[in-house]
Protein backbone atom coordinates (compact mmCIF):
# COMPACT_ATOMS: atom_id res chain seq x y z
CA UNK A 1 16.15 -7.73 3.08
CA UNK A 2 19.34 -7.07 5.00
CA UNK A 3 20.67 -4.43 7.36
CA UNK A 4 22.27 -2.82 4.29
CA UNK A 5 18.82 -2.32 2.79
CA UNK A 6 17.37 -0.86 5.99
CA UNK A 7 20.34 1.50 6.42
CA UNK A 8 19.88 2.70 2.83
CA UNK A 9 16.16 3.29 3.39
CA UNK A 10 17.03 5.42 6.42
CA UNK A 11 19.74 7.35 4.55
CA UNK A 12 17.36 8.22 1.71
CA UNK A 13 15.13 9.99 4.22
CA UNK A 14 12.30 7.55 4.78
CA UNK A 15 11.07 7.33 8.37
CA UNK A 16 9.12 4.06 8.35
CA UNK A 17 8.97 0.69 6.62
CA UNK A 18 5.78 -1.13 5.74
CA UNK A 19 6.71 -4.75 6.41
CA UNK A 20 4.51 -7.11 4.39
CA UNK A 21 3.77 -10.39 6.18
CA UNK A 22 1.98 -13.44 4.80
CA UNK A 23 -0.32 -14.49 7.66
CA UNK A 24 -0.80 -18.09 6.53
CA UNK A 25 2.47 -19.56 7.86
CA UNK A 26 2.20 -17.46 11.02
CA UNK A 27 -1.34 -18.29 12.09
CA UNK A 28 -2.60 -21.80 12.78
CA UNK A 29 -6.26 -22.24 11.81
CA UNK A 30 -6.54 -25.18 14.21
CA UNK A 31 -5.01 -23.28 17.15
CA UNK A 32 -5.56 -19.61 16.35
CA UNK A 33 -4.26 -18.42 19.70
CA UNK A 34 -0.84 -19.97 18.99
CA UNK A 35 1.68 -18.42 16.60
CA UNK A 36 4.25 -20.44 14.64
CA UNK A 37 7.36 -19.86 16.72
CA UNK A 38 9.95 -20.17 13.93
CA UNK A 39 8.12 -17.77 11.62
CA UNK A 40 7.48 -15.39 14.52
CA UNK A 41 11.20 -15.40 15.22
CA UNK A 42 11.92 -14.29 11.65
CA UNK A 43 9.35 -11.54 12.02
CA UNK A 44 10.80 -10.38 15.34
CA UNK A 45 14.28 -10.19 13.79
CA UNK A 46 12.99 -8.08 10.91
CA UNK A 47 11.03 -5.73 13.16
CA UNK A 48 14.01 -5.31 15.50
CA UNK A 49 16.37 -4.62 12.57
CA UNK A 50 14.08 -1.86 11.33
CA UNK A 51 13.63 -0.30 14.77
CA UNK A 52 17.36 -0.47 15.49
CA UNK A 53 17.97 1.75 12.46
CA UNK A 54 15.70 4.46 13.85
CA UNK A 55 12.73 3.66 11.62
CA UNK A 56 9.16 2.86 12.58
CA UNK A 57 7.47 -0.27 11.22
CA UNK A 58 3.99 -1.17 10.01
CA UNK A 59 3.28 -4.88 10.38
CA UNK A 60 1.01 -5.40 7.38
CA UNK A 61 -1.00 -8.59 6.85
CA UNK A 62 -0.43 -9.21 3.12
CA UNK A 63 -2.66 -12.25 2.61
CA UNK A 64 -3.14 -14.18 -0.63
CA UNK A 65 -6.47 -14.01 -2.46
CA UNK A 66 -7.65 -17.42 -1.22
CA UNK A 67 -7.18 -16.26 2.39
CA UNK A 68 -9.15 -13.09 1.72
CA UNK A 69 -11.89 -15.07 -0.04
CA UNK A 70 -12.44 -17.05 3.16
CA UNK A 71 -12.87 -13.83 5.10
CA UNK A 72 -15.59 -12.84 2.64
CA UNK A 73 -17.54 -16.10 3.06
CA UNK A 74 -16.71 -17.85 6.33
CA UNK A 75 -17.59 -16.32 9.70
CA UNK A 76 -15.65 -19.00 11.58
CA UNK A 77 -12.53 -18.13 9.59
CA UNK A 78 -13.01 -14.47 10.49
CA UNK A 79 -13.14 -15.45 14.16
CA UNK A 80 -9.96 -17.53 13.86
CA UNK A 81 -8.18 -14.66 12.10
CA UNK A 82 -9.32 -12.31 14.86
CA UNK A 83 -8.00 -14.70 17.52
CA UNK A 84 -4.66 -14.91 15.72
CA UNK A 85 -4.41 -11.13 15.33
CA UNK A 86 -5.11 -10.77 19.07
CA UNK A 87 -2.25 -13.16 19.84
CA UNK A 88 0.15 -11.30 17.54
CA UNK A 89 -0.85 -7.91 18.94
CA UNK A 90 -0.38 -9.22 22.47
CA UNK A 91 3.10 -10.47 21.52
CA UNK A 92 4.14 -6.97 20.38
CA UNK A 93 2.50 -5.24 23.33
CA UNK A 94 5.22 -6.48 25.68
CA UNK A 95 7.66 -3.88 27.10
CA UNK A 96 10.28 -5.05 24.57
CA UNK A 97 8.52 -3.14 21.78
CA UNK A 98 7.71 0.55 21.32
CA UNK A 99 3.98 1.36 20.82
CA UNK A 100 4.91 4.69 19.19
CA UNK A 101 6.92 2.96 16.45
CA UNK A 102 5.12 -0.35 15.80
CA UNK A 103 1.82 -0.22 13.94
CA UNK A 104 -0.68 -2.92 12.92
CA UNK A 105 -2.26 -2.90 9.45
CA UNK A 106 -5.36 -5.10 9.60
CA UNK A 107 -5.26 -6.42 6.02
CA UNK A 108 -3.65 -5.30 2.81
CA UNK A 109 -6.08 -4.70 -0.05
CA UNK A 110 -9.23 -6.54 1.07
CA UNK A 111 -11.01 -8.21 -1.84
CA UNK A 112 -14.53 -7.93 -0.48
CA UNK A 113 -17.24 -6.81 -2.89
CA UNK A 114 -19.73 -6.43 -0.04
CA UNK A 115 -18.67 -3.16 1.58
CA UNK A 116 -20.96 -3.66 4.56
CA UNK A 117 -19.56 -7.11 5.34
CA UNK A 118 -16.03 -5.74 5.24
CA UNK A 119 -16.99 -2.95 7.65
CA UNK A 120 -18.19 -5.59 10.12
CA UNK A 121 -15.22 -7.91 9.56
CA UNK A 122 -12.74 -5.06 9.91
CA UNK A 123 -14.43 -3.86 13.10
CA UNK A 124 -14.13 -7.37 14.57
CA UNK A 125 -10.46 -7.66 13.63
CA UNK A 126 -9.69 -4.17 14.98
CA UNK A 127 -11.40 -5.02 18.28
CA UNK A 128 -9.29 -8.18 18.61
CA UNK A 129 -6.09 -6.24 17.94
CA UNK A 130 -7.13 -3.63 20.49
CA UNK A 131 -7.71 -6.34 23.11
CA UNK A 132 -4.20 -7.64 22.50
CA UNK A 133 -2.45 -4.28 22.34
CA UNK A 134 -4.45 -1.49 24.02
CA UNK A 135 -1.92 1.27 23.38
CA UNK A 136 -0.97 0.55 19.77
CA UNK A 137 -2.14 2.25 16.57
CA UNK A 138 -4.16 0.27 14.03
CA UNK A 139 -4.36 0.94 10.27
CA UNK A 140 -7.70 0.34 8.50
CA UNK A 141 -8.84 0.52 4.86
CA UNK A 142 -11.79 0.29 2.49
CA UNK A 143 -13.37 -2.90 1.20
CA UNK A 144 -11.82 -3.45 -2.22
CA UNK A 145 -8.08 -3.32 -2.72
CA UNK A 146 -7.79 -0.31 -0.38
CA UNK A 147 -8.89 2.02 -3.21
CA UNK A 148 -9.62 5.65 -2.45
CA UNK A 149 -13.20 5.37 -3.72
CA UNK A 150 -13.83 2.52 -1.29
CA UNK A 151 -12.45 4.64 1.53
CA UNK A 152 -14.89 7.47 0.83
CA UNK A 153 -17.71 4.89 0.54
CA UNK A 154 -17.33 4.19 4.27
CA UNK A 155 -20.27 5.95 5.90
CA UNK A 156 -18.55 6.06 9.28
CA UNK A 157 -15.20 5.43 10.90
CA UNK A 158 -14.53 2.63 13.36
CA UNK A 159 -15.26 3.43 16.98
CA UNK A 160 -11.66 3.54 18.09
CA UNK A 161 -9.73 6.78 18.62
CA UNK A 162 -6.34 5.24 17.79
CA UNK A 163 -6.84 4.20 14.15
CA UNK A 164 -5.22 5.61 11.02
CA UNK A 165 -7.18 5.20 7.79
CA UNK A 166 -5.38 4.15 4.66
CA UNK A 167 -5.85 4.09 0.91
CA UNK A 168 -3.75 3.09 -2.10
CA UNK A 169 -3.37 5.29 -5.16
CA UNK A 170 -2.49 4.01 -8.64
CA UNK A 171 -4.72 6.23 -10.76
CA UNK A 172 -4.86 6.04 -13.67
CA UNK A 173 -4.10 2.30 -13.65
CA UNK A 174 -3.65 2.32 -17.42
CA UNK A 175 -0.52 4.43 -16.95
CA UNK A 176 0.79 3.03 -13.66
CA UNK A 177 0.31 -0.63 -14.66
CA UNK A 178 1.14 -0.46 -18.37
CA UNK A 179 2.76 -3.69 -19.53
CA UNK A 180 1.73 -5.55 -16.35
CA UNK A 181 0.53 -9.04 -17.26
CA UNK A 182 -1.22 -9.58 -13.89
CA UNK A 183 -3.53 -6.56 -14.22
CA UNK A 184 -6.31 -5.99 -16.78
CA UNK A 185 -5.58 -8.34 -19.68
CA UNK A 186 -4.98 -5.68 -22.31
CA UNK A 187 -2.53 -3.74 -20.11
CA UNK A 188 0.20 -6.11 -21.27
CA UNK A 189 -0.02 -4.57 -24.74
CA UNK A 190 0.18 -0.99 -23.46
CA UNK A 191 3.78 0.21 -23.45
CA UNK A 192 5.30 3.65 -23.54
CA UNK A 193 2.07 5.43 -22.58
CA UNK A 194 2.95 9.00 -21.65
CA UNK A 195 2.06 11.11 -18.61
CA UNK A 196 0.61 13.73 -18.32
CA UNK A 197 -1.97 12.48 -20.78
CA UNK A 198 -2.58 14.17 -24.11
CA UNK A 199 -4.79 13.05 -27.01
CA UNK A 200 -1.82 13.03 -29.37
CA UNK A 201 0.51 10.82 -27.33
CA UNK A 202 -2.30 8.44 -26.36
CA UNK A 203 -3.28 8.05 -30.02
CA UNK A 204 0.27 6.96 -30.84
CA UNK A 205 0.16 4.23 -28.16
CA UNK A 206 -3.36 3.19 -29.12
CA UNK A 207 -2.31 2.54 -32.70
CA UNK A 208 -0.17 -0.40 -31.55
CA UNK A 209 -3.01 -2.26 -29.77
CA UNK A 210 -4.66 -5.20 -31.55
CA UNK A 211 -8.29 -4.68 -30.43
CA UNK A 212 -10.57 -1.72 -31.10
CA UNK A 213 -12.05 -1.66 -27.59
CA UNK A 214 -8.58 -1.50 -26.06
CA UNK A 215 -7.61 1.30 -28.41
CA UNK A 216 -10.70 3.16 -27.24
CA UNK A 217 -9.64 2.89 -23.59
CA UNK A 218 -6.24 4.37 -24.40
CA UNK A 219 -7.79 7.16 -26.47
CA UNK A 220 -10.04 7.99 -23.51
CA UNK A 221 -7.00 8.21 -21.25
CA UNK A 222 -5.57 10.81 -23.60
CA UNK A 223 -8.69 12.96 -23.30
CA UNK A 224 -9.10 12.55 -19.53
CA UNK A 225 -6.50 15.23 -18.72
CA UNK A 226 -4.50 13.17 -16.25
CA UNK A 227 -1.96 15.49 -14.68
CA UNK A 228 -1.18 17.24 -11.41
CA UNK A 229 -4.58 18.96 -11.14
CA UNK A 230 -6.54 15.76 -11.76
CA UNK A 231 -4.47 13.82 -9.23
CA UNK A 232 -4.82 16.56 -6.63
CA UNK A 233 -8.58 16.55 -7.12
CA UNK A 234 -8.76 12.76 -6.64
CA UNK A 235 -6.61 12.76 -3.52
CA UNK A 236 -8.48 15.78 -2.22
CA UNK A 237 -11.65 13.69 -2.00
CA UNK A 238 -9.93 11.23 0.35
CA UNK A 239 -8.62 14.15 2.40
CA UNK A 240 -12.11 15.62 2.61
CA UNK A 241 -13.47 12.29 3.90
CA UNK A 242 -10.83 12.23 6.63
CA UNK A 243 -11.60 15.85 7.52
CA UNK A 244 -15.32 15.13 7.80
CA UNK A 245 -14.69 12.19 10.12
CA UNK A 246 -11.84 13.92 11.98
CA UNK A 247 -9.45 10.99 11.51
CA UNK A 248 -5.81 10.72 10.40
CA UNK A 249 -5.13 9.42 6.89
CA UNK A 250 -2.20 7.86 5.04
CA UNK A 251 -1.59 6.50 1.55
CA UNK A 252 0.70 3.54 2.12
CA UNK A 253 0.97 2.46 -1.52
CA UNK A 254 1.50 4.38 -4.73
CA UNK A 255 3.84 3.75 -7.62
CA UNK A 256 4.41 3.05 -11.32
CA UNK A 257 5.49 -0.24 -12.86
CA UNK A 258 8.93 0.48 -14.23
CA UNK A 259 9.40 -2.02 -17.05
CA UNK A 260 7.49 -0.19 -19.80
CA UNK A 261 6.94 3.36 -18.52
CA UNK A 262 9.10 6.31 -19.47
CA UNK A 263 11.40 7.03 -16.48
CA UNK A 264 10.84 10.79 -16.60
CA UNK A 265 7.06 10.41 -16.92
CA UNK A 266 7.12 8.01 -14.00
CA UNK A 267 9.07 10.54 -11.92
CA UNK A 268 6.58 13.30 -12.79
CA UNK A 269 3.65 11.10 -11.71
CA UNK A 270 5.40 10.14 -8.46
CA UNK A 271 6.13 13.80 -7.73
CA UNK A 272 2.54 14.83 -8.50
CA UNK A 273 1.11 12.18 -6.18
CA UNK A 274 3.60 12.78 -3.39
CA UNK A 275 3.04 16.55 -3.58
CA UNK A 276 -0.76 16.14 -3.56
CA UNK A 277 -0.54 13.88 -0.52
CA UNK A 278 1.69 16.25 1.40
CA UNK A 279 -0.40 19.31 0.44
CA UNK A 280 -3.41 17.51 1.92
CA UNK A 281 -1.60 16.50 5.11
CA UNK A 282 -1.53 12.81 4.19
CA UNK A 283 1.42 10.59 5.13
CA UNK A 284 2.68 8.09 2.58
CA UNK A 285 4.75 5.06 1.63
CA UNK A 286 5.79 4.23 -1.92
CA UNK A 287 5.38 0.76 -3.42
CA UNK A 288 7.94 -0.72 -3.50
CA UNK A 289 11.58 -1.00 -2.40
CA UNK A 290 13.39 -3.09 -5.03
CA UNK A 291 10.68 -4.84 -7.05
CA UNK A 292 8.95 -3.90 -10.27
CA UNK A 293 7.93 -0.50 -8.88
CA UNK A 294 11.12 0.00 -6.87
CA UNK A 295 12.94 2.99 -5.48
CA UNK A 296 16.27 1.14 -5.83
CA UNK A 297 17.99 -1.05 -8.41
CA UNK A 298 20.23 -4.01 -7.68
CA UNK A 299 23.76 -3.56 -9.06
CA UNK A 300 26.16 -6.47 -8.49
CA UNK A 301 23.90 -7.63 -5.70
CA UNK A 302 23.83 -4.29 -3.89
CA UNK A 303 20.96 -1.78 -3.70
CA UNK A 304 21.50 1.51 -5.52
CA UNK A 305 18.94 4.33 -5.28
CA UNK A 306 17.24 5.36 -8.51
CA UNK A 307 18.02 9.07 -8.59
CA UNK A 308 14.94 10.15 -10.58
CA UNK A 309 12.64 8.30 -8.18
CA UNK A 310 14.29 9.56 -5.01
CA UNK A 311 14.21 13.17 -6.22
CA UNK A 312 10.56 12.80 -7.22
CA UNK A 313 9.82 11.75 -3.64
CA UNK A 314 11.59 14.81 -2.27
CA UNK A 315 14.21 12.67 -0.56
CA UNK A 316 18.00 12.39 -0.49
CA UNK A 317 19.21 11.41 -3.95
CA UNK A 318 22.83 11.33 -2.74
CA UNK A 319 22.14 8.50 -0.26
CA UNK A 320 24.76 5.74 -0.09
């Protein structure tokens, strides 16, 4: 990521960047109160570059699965992570940084099957961040991959008035992750699945799948009536949870894998989700910038906005 990228993000009409940070090279498990100075310098440069372009920044701990597995099983590791988060929060609570434009996301997509353990772990991590940075806003999420259903599972919010709650939205995954080899195994065979879903178009895609059970899943998608109304109903449940608990809510990931989806269908889905979020008063960030779900392409090494995507997001398609 360069200043050219950040300037383009600003010109398209975005107002913040979710900066994904691998915590493992930053935090020392042996000395959790000390941060790796070289890596911290890289992070400071990135945060400053974003702020200098008039954007806000979410510092998001994007840990690998093995790191998250330790949080699920090892209380000592949770304590060390909390100590490290406190140190990082304290670093950014100095007068050099703006508490209204720097936010702390506790952990991207927790992989914790025990919802109640995650509630306790997240509370401990949030308390450590609050100790390090009393005036800063924290972003919290549900227990499993930040899904919306795990958000609404939370019986109560954390006891901190300066927390934003977050969920990710990729429903239905069969459409948004079609062709993705890292997702459900059979998704790699699903290509060209249409949105909104209809029985007829789903049946055409299903016919190309080798296994009967996988064909059944695609046929079901066709009959599930995935469209703007269904998406609005799903997102409305998350909005209702936030209303009941009187807390702010964002969706800081949604998107469609580009390689095998129809570009126009992808744009319709993005527009439906973005519209549903905004109609429910929910802030958002799209995943991602220039990767497999990206809002830009790389042409001769330079980022170029994808016009269909930018228009679907209600932003400036003429950005340069």
